[in-house]
Amino acid sequence: MIASVLRGTRDLTLEERAVPTPASDEVLIQVHSVGVCGSDVHYYEHGRIGPYIVESPMILGHEASGRIVAVGKDVDPARVGQRVAIEPQRPCRKCDFCRSGAYNLCPEMEFYATPPIDGAFAEYVIIQDDFAYEIPDSISDHAAALMEPLSVGIAAAQKGGVKVGDTVLIAGADPSD
């Protein structure tokens, strides 16, 4: 497969990589669309975000959609062919946070396109089965790739108690800072 690989600050190249093989609980997704997040731009321009430093070649991109083309041995084979949006992370599933349902707080979380984990600017990616969400045909591949950032916005609105019709101020630096 072809992947867009960040080799260093402002140094992207196309490389041939092996198609990943799904583990027993994973699905292999042929990528159809990937959004460019501010974190991708930051890694490209600065080679780091806080303590996360790009020290070896890495594939960026975590806002992705595609179609399941293969499944691991413990995954229902009927999933092959499904169009999906991905939740681009892998929690440990063993810590207190994971066991209580707050896996987003897992201290061992692995996240696509965060060193050293490769992301989705590639023809194929793997993800655990339950982090590949089936999408209806009424949602485009491009819109489906934006489900991850949409979920972040929805979670922030819920946490802040924002309701339909409320006025809010969003303040902060843009990704170019």
N, C-alpha and C. Protein backbone atom coordinates (compact mmCIF):
# COMPACT_ATOMS: atom_id res chain seq x y z
N MET A 1 0.85 -1.18 0.00
CA MET A 1 0.00 0.00 0.00
C MET A 1 0.89 1.23 0.00
N ILE A 2 0.31 2.35 -0.40
CA ILE A 2 1.01 3.63 -0.37
C ILE A 2 0.56 4.39 0.88
N ALA A 3 1.52 5.01 1.57
CA ALA A 3 1.23 5.80 2.76
C ALA A 3 2.00 7.11 2.68
N SER A 4 1.40 8.16 3.21
CA SER A 4 2.06 9.45 3.33
C SER A 4 2.78 9.46 4.67
N VAL A 5 4.10 9.52 4.64
CA VAL A 5 4.90 9.35 5.84
C VAL A 5 5.64 10.65 6.18
N LEU A 6 5.49 11.09 7.42
CA LEU A 6 6.24 12.23 7.93
C LEU A 6 7.60 11.70 8.38
N ARG A 7 8.66 12.15 7.71
CA ARG A 7 10.01 11.69 8.02
C ARG A 7 10.74 12.66 8.94
N GLY A 8 10.23 13.88 9.02
CA GLY A 8 10.82 14.91 9.86
C GLY A 8 10.02 16.19 9.66
N THR A 9 10.40 17.25 10.35
CA THR A 9 9.70 18.51 10.23
C THR A 9 9.64 18.95 8.77
N ARG A 10 8.41 19.20 8.30
CA ARG A 10 8.15 19.64 6.91
C ARG A 10 8.71 18.69 5.87
N ASP A 11 8.77 17.41 6.20
CA ASP A 11 9.31 16.40 5.29
C ASP A 11 8.34 15.23 5.17
N LEU A 12 7.43 15.32 4.20
CA LEU A 12 6.47 14.26 3.91
C LEU A 12 6.88 13.55 2.63
N THR A 13 6.69 12.25 2.61
CA THR A 13 7.00 11.48 1.41
C THR A 13 6.01 10.35 1.27
N LEU A 14 5.80 9.89 0.05
CA LEU A 14 4.98 8.70 -0.18
C LEU A 14 5.88 7.49 -0.13
N GLU A 15 5.45 6.48 0.63
CA GLU A 15 6.22 5.26 0.78
C GLU A 15 5.32 4.06 0.57
N GLU A 16 5.92 2.99 0.12
CA GLU A 16 5.21 1.73 0.06
C GLU A 16 5.38 1.04 1.40
N ARG A 17 4.28 0.60 1.96
CA ARG A 17 4.27 -0.10 3.25
C ARG A 17 3.46 -1.38 3.09
N ALA A 18 3.70 -2.32 3.96
CA ALA A 18 2.91 -3.55 3.94
C ALA A 18 1.48 -3.25 4.41
N VAL A 19 0.52 -3.91 3.81
CA VAL A 19 -0.86 -3.80 4.28
C VAL A 19 -0.93 -4.47 5.64
N PRO A 20 -1.46 -3.78 6.66
CA PRO A 20 -1.51 -4.39 7.99
C PRO A 20 -2.44 -5.60 8.03
N THR A 21 -2.13 -6.52 8.91
CA THR A 21 -2.95 -7.71 9.10
C THR A 21 -3.73 -7.55 10.40
N PRO A 22 -5.06 -7.67 10.34
CA PRO A 22 -5.84 -7.48 11.57
C PRO A 22 -5.60 -8.60 12.58
N ALA A 23 -5.46 -8.20 13.85
CA ALA A 23 -5.42 -9.17 14.95
C ALA A 23 -6.82 -9.74 15.12
N SER A 24 -6.96 -10.67 16.02
CA SER A 24 -8.23 -11.40 16.17
C SER A 24 -9.42 -10.48 16.42
N ASP A 25 -9.21 -9.33 17.12
CA ASP A 25 -10.31 -8.43 17.46
C ASP A 25 -10.36 -7.18 16.59
N GLU A 26 -9.65 -7.20 15.47
CA GLU A 26 -9.54 -6.02 14.62
C GLU A 26 -10.18 -6.20 13.25
N VAL A 27 -10.38 -5.04 12.60
CA VAL A 27 -10.85 -5.03 11.21
C VAL A 27 -9.83 -4.28 10.37
N LEU A 28 -9.72 -4.67 9.11
CA LEU A 28 -8.88 -3.97 8.15
C LEU A 28 -9.78 -3.08 7.31
N ILE A 29 -9.45 -1.80 7.26
CA ILE A 29 -10.29 -0.82 6.58
C ILE A 29 -9.53 -0.24 5.39
N GLN A 30 -10.18 -0.27 4.22
CA GLN A 30 -9.65 0.45 3.07
C GLN A 30 -10.09 1.90 3.27
N VAL A 31 -9.14 2.79 3.40
CA VAL A 31 -9.42 4.19 3.72
C VAL A 31 -10.00 4.89 2.50
N HIS A 32 -11.10 5.61 2.71
CA HIS A 32 -11.74 6.38 1.64
C HIS A 32 -11.55 7.87 1.81
N SER A 33 -11.50 8.36 3.05
CA SER A 33 -11.35 9.80 3.29
C SER A 33 -10.70 10.01 4.65
N VAL A 34 -9.83 11.03 4.71
CA VAL A 34 -9.18 11.38 5.97
C VAL A 34 -9.15 12.90 6.08
N GLY A 35 -9.57 13.42 7.23
CA GLY A 35 -9.48 14.85 7.48
C GLY A 35 -8.09 15.23 7.92
N VAL A 36 -7.75 16.49 7.75
CA VAL A 36 -6.48 17.01 8.23
C VAL A 36 -6.78 17.79 9.51
N CYS A 37 -6.28 17.30 10.62
CA CYS A 37 -6.49 17.91 11.93
C CYS A 37 -5.38 18.91 12.23
N GLY A 38 -5.65 19.81 13.13
CA GLY A 38 -4.62 20.73 13.58
C GLY A 38 -3.41 20.01 14.13
N SER A 39 -3.61 18.85 14.73
CA SER A 39 -2.47 18.10 15.26
C SER A 39 -1.58 17.60 14.12
N ASP A 40 -2.18 17.22 12.99
CA ASP A 40 -1.38 16.80 11.83
C ASP A 40 -0.51 17.96 11.35
N VAL A 41 -1.10 19.15 11.28
CA VAL A 41 -0.36 20.33 10.84
C VAL A 41 0.76 20.64 11.84
N HIS A 42 0.46 20.51 13.11
CA HIS A 42 1.45 20.81 14.15
C HIS A 42 2.63 19.84 14.06
N TYR A 43 2.36 18.54 13.94
CA TYR A 43 3.46 17.58 13.80
C TYR A 43 4.27 17.87 12.54
N TYR A 44 3.59 18.22 11.45
CA TYR A 44 4.27 18.53 10.21
C TYR A 44 5.17 19.76 10.37
N GLU A 45 4.65 20.81 10.95
CA GLU A 45 5.40 22.07 11.04
C GLU A 45 6.44 22.09 12.16
N HIS A 46 6.14 21.41 13.28
CA HIS A 46 7.00 21.52 14.45
C HIS A 46 7.62 20.20 14.91
N GLY A 47 7.12 19.08 14.41
CA GLY A 47 7.67 17.78 14.79
C GLY A 47 7.32 17.33 16.19
N ARG A 48 6.40 18.04 16.82
CA ARG A 48 6.04 17.67 18.19
C ARG A 48 4.78 18.40 18.62
N ILE A 49 4.13 17.84 19.64
CA ILE A 49 3.07 18.51 20.38
C ILE A 49 3.35 18.16 21.84
N GLY A 50 3.76 19.15 22.61
CA GLY A 50 4.10 18.90 24.01
C GLY A 50 5.14 17.79 24.12
N PRO A 51 4.85 16.76 24.92
CA PRO A 51 5.84 15.69 25.11
C PRO A 51 5.88 14.69 23.97
N TYR A 52 4.96 14.80 23.00
CA TYR A 52 4.90 13.84 21.89
C TYR A 52 5.78 14.34 20.75
N ILE A 53 6.91 13.67 20.54
CA ILE A 53 7.91 14.10 19.56
C ILE A 53 8.02 13.05 18.47
N VAL A 54 7.98 13.50 17.23
CA VAL A 54 8.17 12.59 16.09
C VAL A 54 9.66 12.28 16.01
N GLU A 55 10.04 11.08 16.43
CA GLU A 55 11.46 10.68 16.45
C GLU A 55 11.80 9.66 15.38
N SER A 56 10.77 9.13 14.74
CA SER A 56 10.99 8.19 13.64
C SER A 56 9.84 8.39 12.64
N PRO A 57 10.01 7.90 11.41
CA PRO A 57 8.95 8.10 10.41
C PRO A 57 7.58 7.65 10.92
N MET A 58 6.57 8.48 10.64
CA MET A 58 5.22 8.22 11.17
C MET A 58 4.17 8.66 10.15
N ILE A 59 3.10 7.91 10.08
CA ILE A 59 1.95 8.25 9.24
C ILE A 59 1.00 9.11 10.06
N LEU A 60 0.65 10.29 9.53
CA LEU A 60 -0.28 11.19 10.21
C LEU A 60 -1.73 10.80 9.88
N GLY A 61 -2.68 11.55 10.43
CA GLY A 61 -4.09 11.38 10.10
C GLY A 61 -4.83 10.48 11.07
N HIS A 62 -5.95 11.00 11.62
CA HIS A 62 -6.76 10.16 12.51
C HIS A 62 -8.26 10.35 12.29
N GLU A 63 -8.66 11.28 11.46
CA GLU A 63 -10.09 11.50 11.18
C GLU A 63 -10.41 10.74 9.89
N ALA A 64 -10.90 9.50 10.01
CA ALA A 64 -10.96 8.64 8.83
C ALA A 64 -12.27 7.88 8.68
N SER A 65 -12.54 7.58 7.43
CA SER A 65 -13.66 6.69 7.08
C SER A 65 -13.19 5.74 5.99
N GLY A 66 -13.93 4.67 5.82
CA GLY A 66 -13.57 3.71 4.78
C GLY A 66 -14.52 2.53 4.77
N ARG A 67 -14.04 1.44 4.20
CA ARG A 67 -14.84 0.22 4.08
C ARG A 67 -14.03 -0.95 4.64
N ILE A 68 -14.69 -1.77 5.46
CA ILE A 68 -14.03 -2.96 6.01
C ILE A 68 -13.82 -3.97 4.89
N VAL A 69 -12.55 -4.42 4.75
CA VAL A 69 -12.22 -5.38 3.70
C VAL A 69 -11.76 -6.73 4.24
N ALA A 70 -11.45 -6.79 5.54
CA ALA A 70 -11.06 -8.05 6.17
C ALA A 70 -11.28 -7.92 7.67
N VAL A 71 -11.46 -9.06 8.33
CA VAL A 71 -11.69 -9.06 9.78
C VAL A 71 -10.82 -10.11 10.45
N GLY A 72 -10.51 -9.88 11.73
CA GLY A 72 -9.79 -10.85 12.52
C GLY A 72 -10.70 -12.04 12.85
N LYS A 73 -10.10 -13.08 13.37
CA LYS A 73 -10.83 -14.35 13.58
C LYS A 73 -11.98 -14.25 14.58
N ASP A 74 -11.95 -13.27 15.48
CA ASP A 74 -13.02 -13.13 16.47
C ASP A 74 -14.09 -12.11 16.08
N VAL A 75 -14.01 -11.59 14.86
CA VAL A 75 -14.94 -10.57 14.38
C VAL A 75 -15.92 -11.21 13.40
N ASP A 76 -17.17 -10.81 13.48
CA ASP A 76 -18.21 -11.31 12.59
C ASP A 76 -17.83 -11.03 11.13
N PRO A 77 -17.70 -12.07 10.31
CA PRO A 77 -17.32 -11.86 8.91
C PRO A 77 -18.35 -11.06 8.12
N ALA A 78 -19.56 -10.90 8.64
CA ALA A 78 -20.58 -10.10 7.97
C ALA A 78 -20.20 -8.61 7.95
N ARG A 79 -19.19 -8.23 8.74
CA ARG A 79 -18.75 -6.83 8.74
C ARG A 79 -18.01 -6.46 7.45
N VAL A 80 -17.47 -7.44 6.76
CA VAL A 80 -16.76 -7.16 5.51
C VAL A 80 -17.73 -6.47 4.55
N GLY A 81 -17.28 -5.34 4.02
CA GLY A 81 -18.11 -4.56 3.10
C GLY A 81 -18.78 -3.37 3.75
N GLN A 82 -18.84 -3.33 5.07
CA GLN A 82 -19.48 -2.20 5.76
C GLN A 82 -18.66 -0.93 5.60
N ARG A 83 -19.36 0.18 5.36
CA ARG A 83 -18.75 1.50 5.39
C ARG A 83 -18.70 1.95 6.84
N VAL A 84 -17.55 2.50 7.26
CA VAL A 84 -17.37 2.84 8.67
C VAL A 84 -16.65 4.16 8.86
N ALA A 85 -16.89 4.76 10.01
CA ALA A 85 -16.07 5.85 10.54
C ALA A 85 -15.32 5.25 11.72
N ILE A 86 -14.10 5.70 11.94
CA ILE A 86 -13.32 5.10 13.01
C ILE A 86 -13.18 6.03 14.21
N GLU A 87 -13.09 5.41 15.38
CA GLU A 87 -12.70 6.09 16.61
C GLU A 87 -11.23 5.72 16.79
N PRO A 88 -10.32 6.65 16.51
CA PRO A 88 -8.91 6.31 16.28
C PRO A 88 -8.06 6.10 17.53
N GLN A 89 -8.44 5.16 18.35
CA GLN A 89 -7.68 4.94 19.57
C GLN A 89 -7.73 3.49 20.01
N ARG A 90 -6.84 3.14 20.92
CA ARG A 90 -6.80 1.81 21.49
C ARG A 90 -6.51 1.93 22.99
N PRO A 91 -7.57 1.79 23.81
CA PRO A 91 -7.36 1.80 25.27
C PRO A 91 -6.87 0.43 25.74
N CYS A 92 -6.34 0.38 26.96
CA CYS A 92 -5.82 -0.89 27.48
C CYS A 92 -6.93 -1.88 27.83
N ARG A 93 -8.10 -1.37 28.17
CA ARG A 93 -9.27 -2.15 28.57
C ARG A 93 -9.11 -2.90 29.90
N LYS A 94 -8.03 -2.59 30.64
CA LYS A 94 -7.76 -3.29 31.90
C LYS A 94 -7.72 -2.36 33.11
N CYS A 95 -7.41 -1.07 32.90
CA CYS A 95 -7.27 -0.15 34.03
C CYS A 95 -8.64 0.19 34.62
N ASP A 96 -8.64 0.86 35.75
CA ASP A 96 -9.89 1.24 36.42
C ASP A 96 -10.76 2.11 35.52
N PHE A 97 -10.14 3.04 34.78
CA PHE A 97 -10.91 3.91 33.89
C PHE A 97 -11.62 3.07 32.82
N CYS A 98 -10.88 2.20 32.17
CA CYS A 98 -11.47 1.38 31.11
C CYS A 98 -12.60 0.50 31.66
N ARG A 99 -12.34 -0.13 32.79
CA ARG A 99 -13.36 -1.03 33.35
C ARG A 99 -14.60 -0.28 33.82
N SER A 100 -14.46 1.02 34.12
CA SER A 100 -15.62 1.78 34.58
C SER A 100 -16.37 2.44 33.41
N GLY A 101 -15.87 2.24 32.19
CA GLY A 101 -16.52 2.83 31.03
C GLY A 101 -15.94 4.15 30.59
N ALA A 102 -14.95 4.65 31.32
CA ALA A 102 -14.30 5.92 30.97
C ALA A 102 -12.99 5.65 30.25
N TYR A 103 -13.05 4.81 29.21
CA TYR A 103 -11.83 4.42 28.51
C TYR A 103 -11.08 5.61 27.90
N ASN A 104 -11.78 6.72 27.68
CA ASN A 104 -11.13 7.90 27.13
C ASN A 104 -10.08 8.48 28.09
N LEU A 105 -10.12 8.07 29.36
CA LEU A 105 -9.15 8.53 30.35
C LEU A 105 -8.03 7.51 30.59
N CYS A 106 -8.00 6.47 29.82
CA CYS A 106 -7.00 5.40 29.98
C CYS A 106 -5.58 5.98 29.90
N PRO A 107 -4.77 5.75 30.92
CA PRO A 107 -3.40 6.28 30.90
C PRO A 107 -2.50 5.57 29.88
N GLU A 108 -2.93 4.42 29.38
CA GLU A 108 -2.15 3.66 28.40
C GLU A 108 -2.71 3.83 26.99
N MET A 109 -3.57 4.82 26.78
CA MET A 109 -4.22 5.03 25.49
C MET A 109 -3.20 5.19 24.37
N GLU A 110 -3.46 4.48 23.28
CA GLU A 110 -2.70 4.68 22.05
C GLU A 110 -3.64 5.37 21.09
N PHE A 111 -3.16 6.41 20.42
CA PHE A 111 -4.01 7.21 19.55
C PHE A 111 -3.35 7.32 18.19
N TYR A 112 -4.14 7.07 17.15
CA TYR A 112 -3.63 7.23 15.78
C TYR A 112 -2.88 8.55 15.64
N ALA A 113 -1.78 8.51 14.90
CA ALA A 113 -1.02 9.70 14.52
C ALA A 113 -0.48 10.48 15.71
N THR A 114 -0.21 9.77 16.79
CA THR A 114 0.48 10.34 17.95
C THR A 114 1.70 9.45 18.17
N PRO A 115 2.91 10.02 18.11
CA PRO A 115 4.11 9.19 18.18
C PRO A 115 4.05 8.18 19.32
N PRO A 116 4.40 6.94 19.02
CA PRO A 116 4.93 6.38 17.77
C PRO A 116 3.87 5.65 16.92
N ILE A 117 2.60 5.92 17.15
CA ILE A 117 1.51 5.18 16.49
C ILE A 117 1.20 5.79 15.12
N ASP A 118 1.21 4.95 14.09
CA ASP A 118 0.87 5.42 12.74
C ASP A 118 -0.61 5.76 12.65
N GLY A 119 -0.91 6.69 11.74
CA GLY A 119 -2.28 7.13 11.51
C GLY A 119 -2.86 6.60 10.21
N ALA A 120 -3.75 7.39 9.62
CA ALA A 120 -4.60 6.91 8.53
C ALA A 120 -4.33 7.52 7.16
N PHE A 121 -3.26 8.29 6.99
CA PHE A 121 -2.93 8.77 5.64
C PHE A 121 -2.26 7.62 4.89
N ALA A 122 -3.03 6.57 4.68
CA ALA A 122 -2.56 5.35 4.05
C ALA A 122 -3.75 4.68 3.36
N GLU A 123 -3.47 3.73 2.53
CA GLU A 123 -4.56 3.06 1.83
C GLU A 123 -5.37 2.13 2.74
N TYR A 124 -4.73 1.60 3.78
CA TYR A 124 -5.40 0.67 4.70
C TYR A 124 -4.97 0.96 6.13
N VAL A 125 -5.89 0.74 7.07
CA VAL A 125 -5.59 0.84 8.50
C VAL A 125 -6.30 -0.31 9.22
N ILE A 126 -5.83 -0.61 10.41
CA ILE A 126 -6.52 -1.57 11.27
C ILE A 126 -7.00 -0.84 12.52
N ILE A 127 -8.10 -1.33 13.07
CA ILE A 127 -8.65 -0.77 14.30
C ILE A 127 -9.44 -1.89 14.99
N GLN A 128 -9.54 -1.84 16.29
CA GLN A 128 -10.36 -2.83 16.99
C GLN A 128 -11.80 -2.72 16.49
N ASP A 129 -12.43 -3.86 16.35
CA ASP A 129 -13.76 -3.99 15.78
C ASP A 129 -14.76 -2.99 16.35
N ASP A 130 -14.79 -2.83 17.66
CA ASP A 130 -15.80 -1.96 18.26
C ASP A 130 -15.49 -0.47 18.13
N PHE A 131 -14.37 -0.12 17.49
CA PHE A 131 -14.06 1.28 17.21
C PHE A 131 -14.24 1.62 15.73
N ALA A 132 -14.89 0.72 14.99
CA ALA A 132 -15.26 0.95 13.59
C ALA A 132 -16.79 1.00 13.56
N TYR A 133 -17.34 2.20 13.36
CA TYR A 133 -18.78 2.41 13.46
C TYR A 133 -19.41 2.44 12.07
N GLU A 134 -20.37 1.55 11.86
CA GLU A 134 -21.05 1.49 10.58
C GLU A 134 -21.78 2.81 10.32
N ILE A 135 -21.70 3.26 9.08
CA ILE A 135 -22.37 4.51 8.68
C ILE A 135 -23.35 4.21 7.55
N PRO A 136 -24.45 4.94 7.50
CA PRO A 136 -25.43 4.72 6.43
C PRO A 136 -24.95 5.33 5.11
N ASP A 137 -25.52 4.85 4.02
CA ASP A 137 -25.15 5.36 2.70
C ASP A 137 -25.50 6.83 2.52
N SER A 138 -26.38 7.35 3.36
CA SER A 138 -26.77 8.76 3.25
C SER A 138 -25.67 9.71 3.73
N ILE A 139 -24.63 9.18 4.38
CA ILE A 139 -23.50 9.99 4.85
C ILE A 139 -22.33 9.75 3.91
N SER A 140 -21.76 10.82 3.37
CA SER A 140 -20.63 10.69 2.45
C SER A 140 -19.38 10.23 3.20
N ASP A 141 -18.41 9.71 2.45
CA ASP A 141 -17.14 9.32 3.07
C ASP A 141 -16.46 10.51 3.72
N HIS A 142 -16.53 11.68 3.08
CA HIS A 142 -15.89 12.87 3.63
C HIS A 142 -16.56 13.29 4.94
N ALA A 143 -17.88 13.28 4.97
CA ALA A 143 -18.59 13.63 6.21
C ALA A 143 -18.31 12.60 7.30
N ALA A 144 -18.25 11.33 6.94
CA ALA A 144 -17.98 10.27 7.92
C ALA A 144 -16.59 10.43 8.53
N ALA A 145 -15.63 10.92 7.74
CA ALA A 145 -14.28 11.13 8.27
C ALA A 145 -14.27 12.21 9.35
N LEU A 146 -15.29 13.05 9.35
CA LEU A 146 -15.36 14.13 10.34
C LEU A 146 -16.17 13.74 11.58
N MET A 147 -16.56 12.48 11.70
CA MET A 147 -17.31 12.04 12.89
C MET A 147 -16.48 12.20 14.16
N GLU A 148 -15.17 11.94 14.09
CA GLU A 148 -14.33 12.05 15.28
C GLU A 148 -14.27 13.50 15.77
N PRO A 149 -13.95 14.48 14.93
CA PRO A 149 -13.97 15.85 15.47
C PRO A 149 -15.37 16.31 15.86
N LEU A 150 -16.41 15.84 15.17
CA LEU A 150 -17.77 16.18 15.56
C LEU A 150 -18.06 15.66 16.97
N SER A 151 -17.60 14.45 17.25
CA SER A 151 -17.86 13.87 18.58
C SER A 151 -17.16 14.68 19.67
N VAL A 152 -16.00 15.24 19.37
CA VAL A 152 -15.30 16.09 20.34
C VAL A 152 -16.14 17.34 20.63
N GLY A 153 -16.68 17.95 19.58
CA GLY A 153 -17.53 19.13 19.76
C GLY A 153 -18.79 18.83 20.54
N ILE A 154 -19.42 17.70 20.24
CA ILE A 154 -20.64 17.30 20.95
C ILE A 154 -20.33 17.07 22.42
N ALA A 155 -19.22 16.37 22.71
CA ALA A 155 -18.85 16.11 24.10
C ALA A 155 -18.59 17.41 24.85
N ALA A 156 -17.93 18.37 24.19
CA ALA A 156 -17.66 19.66 24.84
C ALA A 156 -18.97 20.40 25.12
N ALA A 157 -19.89 20.38 24.17
CA ALA A 157 -21.18 21.05 24.37
C ALA A 157 -21.96 20.39 25.52
N GLN A 158 -21.95 19.06 25.56
CA GLN A 158 -22.64 18.37 26.64
C GLN A 158 -22.00 18.69 27.99
N LYS A 159 -20.68 18.66 28.04
CA LYS A 159 -19.98 18.94 29.28
C LYS A 159 -20.25 20.37 29.76
N GLY A 160 -20.38 21.29 28.81
CA GLY A 160 -20.64 22.68 29.15
C GLY A 160 -22.11 23.01 29.34
N GLY A 161 -22.99 22.05 29.15
CA GLY A 161 -24.42 22.28 29.32
C GLY A 161 -25.02 23.14 28.22
N VAL A 162 -24.39 23.18 27.05
CA VAL A 162 -24.88 24.00 25.94
C VAL A 162 -26.11 23.33 25.33
N LYS A 163 -27.15 24.15 25.12
CA LYS A 163 -28.40 23.66 24.53
C LYS A 163 -28.66 24.36 23.21
N VAL A 164 -29.52 23.80 22.40
CA VAL A 164 -29.90 24.43 21.14
C VAL A 164 -30.39 25.85 21.42
N GLY A 165 -29.88 26.80 20.66
CA GLY A 165 -30.26 28.20 20.82
C GLY A 165 -29.35 28.99 21.73
N ASP A 166 -28.49 28.34 22.50
CA ASP A 166 -27.55 29.05 23.36
C ASP A 166 -26.50 29.76 22.52
N THR A 167 -25.98 30.85 23.05
CA THR A 167 -24.87 31.56 22.43
C THR A 167 -23.59 31.18 23.17
N VAL A 168 -22.55 30.88 22.41
CA VAL A 168 -21.28 30.50 23.03
C VAL A 168 -20.14 31.29 22.38
N LEU A 169 -19.08 31.44 23.10
CA LEU A 169 -17.85 32.04 22.59
C LEU A 169 -16.80 30.95 22.56
N ILE A 170 -16.18 30.76 21.42
CA ILE A 170 -15.08 29.81 21.31
C ILE A 170 -13.82 30.62 21.15
N ALA A 171 -12.92 30.50 22.11
CA ALA A 171 -11.67 31.27 22.10
C ALA A 171 -10.50 30.30 22.14
N GLY A 172 -9.47 30.62 21.40
CA GLY A 172 -8.28 29.77 21.43
C GLY A 172 -7.43 30.03 20.22
N ALA A 173 -6.24 29.48 20.25
CA ALA A 173 -5.31 29.65 19.14
C ALA A 173 -5.72 28.72 18.00
N ASP A 174 -5.46 29.19 16.79
CA ASP A 174 -5.72 28.31 15.65
C ASP A 174 -4.54 27.36 15.48
N PRO A 175 -4.68 26.32 14.64
CA PRO A 175 -3.63 25.32 14.51
C PRO A 175 -2.30 25.85 14.00
N SER A 176 -2.29 27.05 13.40
CA SER A 176 -1.02 27.55 12.86
C SER A 176 -0.13 28.16 13.94
N ASP A 177 -0.66 28.35 15.14
CA ASP A 177 0.17 28.94 16.21
C ASP A 177 1.07 27.90 16.84
